[in-house]
């Protein structure tokens, strides 16, 4: 597979994992540490998306180097920050944006 297609594919995996994390957060208030957690649809959907992201990432590793592809997973931090702001009402400050800049800069230098 073309390097940049793989990078976009892994960014999509990070996106799915980030959506899964938001569902974990939505399910957390009603979650208990017993078998009832298996009936929490937010948790179940989060697990499904997280597992799907992992399986797709493993597929991507078949075609590319882990040292190139794994850093792209760091975009999940950016996705989570955006989704937490939009869907959970969390605030983004200047340090968060600086972190986004550092993450994207690091990915840029690694994938060059």
N, C-alpha and C. Protein backbone atom coordinates (compact mmCIF):
# COMPACT_ATOMS: atom_id res chain seq x y z
N UNK A 1 0.84 -1.19 0.00
CA UNK A 1 0.00 0.00 0.00
C UNK A 1 0.88 1.25 0.00
N UNK A 2 0.40 2.28 -0.62
CA UNK A 2 1.08 3.56 -0.62
C UNK A 2 1.22 4.08 0.81
N UNK A 3 2.38 4.67 1.12
CA UNK A 3 2.68 5.14 2.48
C UNK A 3 1.62 6.10 3.00
N UNK A 4 1.23 7.06 2.19
CA UNK A 4 0.29 8.07 2.67
C UNK A 4 -1.13 7.53 2.82
N UNK A 5 -1.48 6.54 2.03
CA UNK A 5 -2.78 5.89 2.21
C UNK A 5 -2.78 5.14 3.53
N UNK A 6 -1.68 4.47 3.84
CA UNK A 6 -1.56 3.77 5.12
C UNK A 6 -1.66 4.75 6.29
N UNK A 7 -1.02 5.89 6.16
CA UNK A 7 -1.06 6.89 7.23
C UNK A 7 -2.49 7.38 7.43
N UNK A 8 -3.21 7.64 6.35
CA UNK A 8 -4.62 8.04 6.47
C UNK A 8 -5.47 6.93 7.08
N UNK A 9 -5.18 5.70 6.70
CA UNK A 9 -5.91 4.55 7.25
C UNK A 9 -5.69 4.45 8.75
N UNK A 10 -4.44 4.64 9.19
CA UNK A 10 -4.14 4.58 10.62
C UNK A 10 -4.76 5.78 11.34
N UNK A 11 -4.80 6.94 10.70
CA UNK A 11 -5.47 8.10 11.30
C UNK A 11 -6.96 7.78 11.50
N UNK A 12 -7.55 7.05 10.56
CA UNK A 12 -8.94 6.62 10.72
C UNK A 12 -9.08 5.66 11.91
N UNK A 13 -8.10 4.78 12.08
CA UNK A 13 -8.10 3.89 13.25
C UNK A 13 -8.07 4.71 14.54
N UNK A 14 -7.24 5.75 14.55
CA UNK A 14 -7.15 6.63 15.72
C UNK A 14 -8.49 7.33 15.96
N UNK A 15 -9.14 7.74 14.88
CA UNK A 15 -10.46 8.37 14.96
C UNK A 15 -11.47 7.42 15.61
N UNK A 16 -11.50 6.17 15.15
CA UNK A 16 -12.42 5.18 15.73
C UNK A 16 -12.13 4.95 17.20
N UNK A 17 -10.86 4.84 17.54
CA UNK A 17 -10.48 4.65 18.95
C UNK A 17 -10.90 5.83 19.81
N UNK A 18 -10.78 7.04 19.26
CA UNK A 18 -11.17 8.24 20.00
C UNK A 18 -12.68 8.28 20.22
N UNK A 19 -13.45 7.90 19.21
CA UNK A 19 -14.91 7.84 19.38
C UNK A 19 -15.25 6.80 20.45
N UNK A 20 -14.52 5.69 20.44
CA UNK A 20 -14.71 4.68 21.48
C UNK A 20 -14.46 5.25 22.87
N UNK A 21 -13.44 6.07 23.02
CA UNK A 21 -13.14 6.68 24.32
C UNK A 21 -14.27 7.61 24.77
N UNK A 22 -14.87 8.33 23.84
CA UNK A 22 -15.99 9.21 24.19
C UNK A 22 -17.17 8.37 24.67
N UNK A 23 -17.42 7.24 24.03
CA UNK A 23 -18.49 6.36 24.50
C UNK A 23 -18.17 5.78 25.87
N UNK A 24 -16.88 5.48 26.15
CA UNK A 24 -16.50 5.03 27.49
C UNK A 24 -16.85 6.11 28.51
N UNK A 25 -16.54 7.35 28.19
CA UNK A 25 -16.83 8.47 29.10
C UNK A 25 -18.34 8.61 29.31
N UNK A 26 -19.11 8.48 28.25
CA UNK A 26 -20.57 8.58 28.38
C UNK A 26 -21.14 7.45 29.23
N UNK A 27 -20.54 6.28 29.16
CA UNK A 27 -21.03 5.14 29.93
C UNK A 27 -20.49 5.08 31.34
N UNK A 28 -19.42 5.81 31.62
CA UNK A 28 -18.76 5.72 32.92
C UNK A 28 -19.64 6.09 34.12
N UNK A 29 -20.48 7.13 34.05
CA UNK A 29 -21.26 7.48 35.24
C UNK A 29 -22.16 6.36 35.76
N UNK A 30 -22.67 5.53 34.88
CA UNK A 30 -23.56 4.45 35.32
C UNK A 30 -22.87 3.10 35.38
N UNK A 31 -21.57 3.06 35.13
CA UNK A 31 -20.84 1.79 35.11
C UNK A 31 -20.54 1.31 36.52
N UNK A 32 -20.69 0.01 36.72
CA UNK A 32 -20.34 -0.63 37.98
C UNK A 32 -19.30 -1.70 37.67
N UNK A 33 -18.49 -2.02 38.65
CA UNK A 33 -17.45 -3.03 38.45
C UNK A 33 -17.99 -4.42 38.71
N UNK A 34 -19.00 -4.78 37.95
CA UNK A 34 -19.56 -6.13 38.00
C UNK A 34 -20.07 -6.49 36.60
N UNK A 35 -20.77 -7.58 36.49
CA UNK A 35 -21.23 -8.03 35.17
C UNK A 35 -22.26 -7.09 34.53
N UNK A 36 -22.87 -6.22 35.32
CA UNK A 36 -23.85 -5.29 34.75
C UNK A 36 -23.20 -4.33 33.75
N UNK A 37 -21.89 -4.21 33.79
CA UNK A 37 -21.22 -3.35 32.82
C UNK A 37 -21.44 -3.85 31.40
N UNK A 38 -21.73 -5.14 31.27
CA UNK A 38 -21.97 -5.73 29.95
C UNK A 38 -23.32 -5.33 29.37
N UNK A 39 -24.16 -4.66 30.14
CA UNK A 39 -25.45 -4.18 29.63
C UNK A 39 -25.42 -2.67 29.37
N UNK A 40 -24.30 -2.04 29.61
CA UNK A 40 -24.14 -0.61 29.39
C UNK A 40 -23.81 -0.39 27.91
N UNK A 41 -24.80 0.09 27.15
CA UNK A 41 -24.60 0.18 25.70
C UNK A 41 -23.51 1.17 25.31
N UNK A 42 -23.28 2.22 26.11
CA UNK A 42 -22.18 3.13 25.79
C UNK A 42 -20.83 2.41 25.91
N UNK A 43 -20.68 1.65 26.97
CA UNK A 43 -19.44 0.89 27.18
C UNK A 43 -19.27 -0.15 26.08
N UNK A 44 -20.35 -0.86 25.75
CA UNK A 44 -20.27 -1.88 24.71
C UNK A 44 -19.92 -1.29 23.35
N UNK A 45 -20.53 -0.15 23.02
CA UNK A 45 -20.21 0.50 21.75
C UNK A 45 -18.77 0.99 21.74
N UNK A 46 -18.32 1.53 22.87
CA UNK A 46 -16.93 1.95 22.99
C UNK A 46 -15.97 0.79 22.80
N UNK A 47 -16.28 -0.35 23.42
CA UNK A 47 -15.44 -1.54 23.27
C UNK A 47 -15.41 -2.01 21.82
N UNK A 48 -16.57 -2.00 21.18
CA UNK A 48 -16.64 -2.41 19.77
C UNK A 48 -15.76 -1.52 18.89
N UNK A 49 -15.90 -0.20 19.05
CA UNK A 49 -15.12 0.72 18.22
C UNK A 49 -13.63 0.61 18.50
N UNK A 50 -13.29 0.46 19.78
CA UNK A 50 -11.88 0.33 20.15
C UNK A 50 -11.30 -0.96 19.57
N UNK A 51 -12.06 -2.05 19.65
CA UNK A 51 -11.60 -3.33 19.10
C UNK A 51 -11.48 -3.24 17.58
N UNK A 52 -12.46 -2.61 16.93
CA UNK A 52 -12.40 -2.44 15.47
C UNK A 52 -11.16 -1.65 15.07
N UNK A 53 -10.89 -0.57 15.80
CA UNK A 53 -9.70 0.24 15.51
C UNK A 53 -8.44 -0.59 15.65
N UNK A 54 -8.39 -1.45 16.67
CA UNK A 54 -7.22 -2.30 16.88
C UNK A 54 -7.04 -3.30 15.76
N UNK A 55 -8.13 -3.95 15.36
CA UNK A 55 -8.05 -4.94 14.27
C UNK A 55 -7.62 -4.26 12.97
N UNK A 56 -8.18 -3.10 12.68
CA UNK A 56 -7.79 -2.38 11.46
C UNK A 56 -6.33 -1.95 11.51
N UNK A 57 -5.87 -1.54 12.69
CA UNK A 57 -4.47 -1.15 12.83
C UNK A 57 -3.54 -2.35 12.59
N UNK A 58 -3.92 -3.50 13.13
CA UNK A 58 -3.13 -4.71 12.89
C UNK A 58 -3.06 -5.01 11.39
N UNK A 59 -4.18 -4.82 10.69
CA UNK A 59 -4.19 -5.01 9.24
C UNK A 59 -3.22 -4.04 8.56
N UNK A 60 -3.21 -2.78 9.02
CA UNK A 60 -2.30 -1.79 8.44
C UNK A 60 -0.84 -2.18 8.65
N UNK A 61 -0.55 -2.79 9.80
CA UNK A 61 0.83 -3.20 10.08
C UNK A 61 1.33 -4.25 9.10
N UNK A 62 0.41 -4.95 8.49
CA UNK A 62 0.78 -5.95 7.47
C UNK A 62 1.49 -5.28 6.29
N UNK A 63 1.16 -4.02 6.04
CA UNK A 63 1.66 -3.32 4.86
C UNK A 63 2.69 -2.23 5.15
N UNK A 64 2.89 -1.90 6.42
CA UNK A 64 3.81 -0.80 6.73
C UNK A 64 4.62 -1.06 7.98
N UNK A 65 5.57 -0.20 8.22
CA UNK A 65 6.45 -0.31 9.37
C UNK A 65 5.79 0.27 10.61
N UNK A 66 5.92 -0.45 11.71
CA UNK A 66 5.31 0.01 12.96
C UNK A 66 5.92 1.34 13.41
N UNK A 67 7.21 1.54 13.15
CA UNK A 67 7.87 2.79 13.56
C UNK A 67 7.33 4.00 12.80
N UNK A 68 6.75 3.78 11.65
CA UNK A 68 6.13 4.85 10.87
C UNK A 68 4.66 5.01 11.23
N UNK A 69 3.95 3.91 11.39
CA UNK A 69 2.50 3.97 11.56
C UNK A 69 2.05 4.25 13.00
N UNK A 70 2.75 3.70 13.98
CA UNK A 70 2.26 3.85 15.36
C UNK A 70 2.20 5.30 15.82
N UNK A 71 3.16 6.15 15.48
CA UNK A 71 3.03 7.55 15.92
C UNK A 71 1.76 8.24 15.44
N UNK A 72 1.20 7.79 14.33
CA UNK A 72 -0.04 8.39 13.82
C UNK A 72 -1.20 8.13 14.77
N UNK A 73 -1.11 7.07 15.56
CA UNK A 73 -2.13 6.78 16.57
C UNK A 73 -2.24 7.94 17.56
N UNK A 74 -1.17 8.72 17.72
CA UNK A 74 -1.19 9.87 18.63
C UNK A 74 -2.24 10.89 18.23
N UNK A 75 -2.71 10.85 16.98
CA UNK A 75 -3.78 11.77 16.59
C UNK A 75 -5.06 11.49 17.38
N UNK A 76 -5.14 10.32 18.01
CA UNK A 76 -6.33 10.02 18.82
C UNK A 76 -6.47 11.03 19.96
N UNK A 77 -5.35 11.53 20.49
CA UNK A 77 -5.42 12.55 21.54
C UNK A 77 -6.11 13.81 21.01
N UNK A 78 -5.82 14.15 19.77
CA UNK A 78 -6.42 15.34 19.16
C UNK A 78 -7.91 15.11 18.94
N UNK A 79 -8.26 13.94 18.39
CA UNK A 79 -9.67 13.62 18.17
C UNK A 79 -10.44 13.65 19.49
N UNK A 80 -9.88 13.04 20.53
CA UNK A 80 -10.57 13.01 21.83
C UNK A 80 -10.78 14.43 22.34
N UNK A 81 -9.78 15.28 22.20
CA UNK A 81 -9.90 16.66 22.66
C UNK A 81 -11.03 17.38 21.92
N UNK A 82 -11.09 17.20 20.62
CA UNK A 82 -12.15 17.84 19.82
C UNK A 82 -13.52 17.29 20.20
N UNK A 83 -13.65 15.97 20.27
CA UNK A 83 -14.93 15.36 20.60
C UNK A 83 -15.38 15.70 22.02
N UNK A 84 -14.43 15.76 22.96
CA UNK A 84 -14.78 16.10 24.34
C UNK A 84 -15.31 17.52 24.42
N UNK A 85 -14.77 18.39 23.59
CA UNK A 85 -15.26 19.77 23.56
C UNK A 85 -16.65 19.84 22.95
N UNK A 86 -16.84 19.18 21.82
CA UNK A 86 -18.11 19.26 21.10
C UNK A 86 -19.23 18.50 21.82
N UNK A 87 -18.95 17.27 22.26
CA UNK A 87 -20.01 16.42 22.79
C UNK A 87 -20.12 16.40 24.31
N UNK A 88 -19.04 16.75 25.01
CA UNK A 88 -19.07 16.69 26.47
C UNK A 88 -18.95 18.06 27.13
N UNK A 89 -18.75 19.08 26.32
CA UNK A 89 -18.67 20.44 26.85
C UNK A 89 -17.37 20.75 27.58
N UNK A 90 -16.33 19.96 27.37
CA UNK A 90 -15.05 20.23 28.02
C UNK A 90 -14.38 21.42 27.34
N UNK A 91 -13.52 22.10 28.08
CA UNK A 91 -12.86 23.31 27.58
C UNK A 91 -11.46 23.00 27.05
N UNK A 92 -11.09 23.70 25.99
CA UNK A 92 -9.74 23.60 25.43
C UNK A 92 -9.01 24.89 25.76
N UNK A 93 -7.80 24.76 26.30
CA UNK A 93 -7.02 25.96 26.60
C UNK A 93 -5.80 26.05 25.69
N UNK A 94 -5.00 27.08 25.91
CA UNK A 94 -3.83 27.33 25.07
C UNK A 94 -2.83 26.17 25.14
N UNK A 95 -2.68 25.57 26.30
CA UNK A 95 -1.74 24.46 26.45
C UNK A 95 -2.20 23.23 25.66
N UNK A 96 -3.52 23.03 25.60
CA UNK A 96 -4.05 21.93 24.78
C UNK A 96 -3.69 22.14 23.31
N UNK A 97 -3.88 23.36 22.83
CA UNK A 97 -3.56 23.65 21.43
C UNK A 97 -2.06 23.52 21.17
N UNK A 98 -1.25 23.90 22.15
CA UNK A 98 0.20 23.72 22.00
C UNK A 98 0.53 22.23 21.92
N UNK A 99 -0.15 21.42 22.71
CA UNK A 99 0.03 19.97 22.64
C UNK A 99 -0.34 19.42 21.28
N UNK A 100 -1.42 19.92 20.70
CA UNK A 100 -1.82 19.50 19.35
C UNK A 100 -0.71 19.84 18.36
N UNK A 101 -0.16 21.03 18.48
CA UNK A 101 0.94 21.44 17.60
C UNK A 101 2.13 20.49 17.75
N UNK A 102 2.48 20.14 18.98
CA UNK A 102 3.62 19.25 19.20
C UNK A 102 3.36 17.85 18.64
N UNK A 103 2.15 17.35 18.84
CA UNK A 103 1.81 16.02 18.30
C UNK A 103 1.91 16.01 16.78
N UNK A 104 1.30 17.00 16.15
CA UNK A 104 1.33 17.05 14.68
C UNK A 104 2.74 17.28 14.15
N UNK A 105 3.52 18.09 14.86
CA UNK A 105 4.92 18.30 14.45
C UNK A 105 5.71 17.00 14.54
N UNK A 106 5.53 16.28 15.63
CA UNK A 106 6.23 15.01 15.79
C UNK A 106 5.87 14.01 14.71
N UNK A 107 4.58 13.92 14.42
CA UNK A 107 4.14 13.00 13.36
C UNK A 107 4.73 13.42 12.01
N UNK A 108 4.73 14.71 11.74
CA UNK A 108 5.28 15.21 10.48
C UNK A 108 6.74 14.77 10.31
N UNK A 109 7.54 14.96 11.36
CA UNK A 109 8.96 14.63 11.25
C UNK A 109 9.20 13.12 11.15
N UNK A 110 8.34 12.34 11.75
CA UNK A 110 8.51 10.89 11.69
C UNK A 110 8.12 10.34 10.32
N UNK A 111 7.04 10.85 9.73
CA UNK A 111 6.56 10.27 8.47
C UNK A 111 7.23 10.86 7.23
N UNK A 112 8.02 11.88 7.40
CA UNK A 112 8.73 12.50 6.25
C UNK A 112 9.55 11.52 5.50
